[in-house]
Amino acid sequence: MKAKKICFDKPNLAPKEAAAYLNISISTLWRFTKKDEFPKPKRLSDRTILFNKSELDDYLQRMGA
């Protein structure tokens, strides 16, 4: 079975992509969303949730990563 490649060139990332981008687990990503300083995801529909990549980059800079 081939591993699926994740592309980080997109402006918005699905939760699985955002977790991989931040090098954290999905459960940690959802725990982080409960913190005020972490970027909130955008819900496009009942099943589509996206994180803005530039907001994640800004968060990483603020946290000193």
Foldseek 3Di string as FASTA:
>chain_A
DDDDDADPPDQKDFLCNLCVVVVHDSVVVVVVCVDPLQFHWDDPDPPGTIDGPVSNVVSCVVVPD
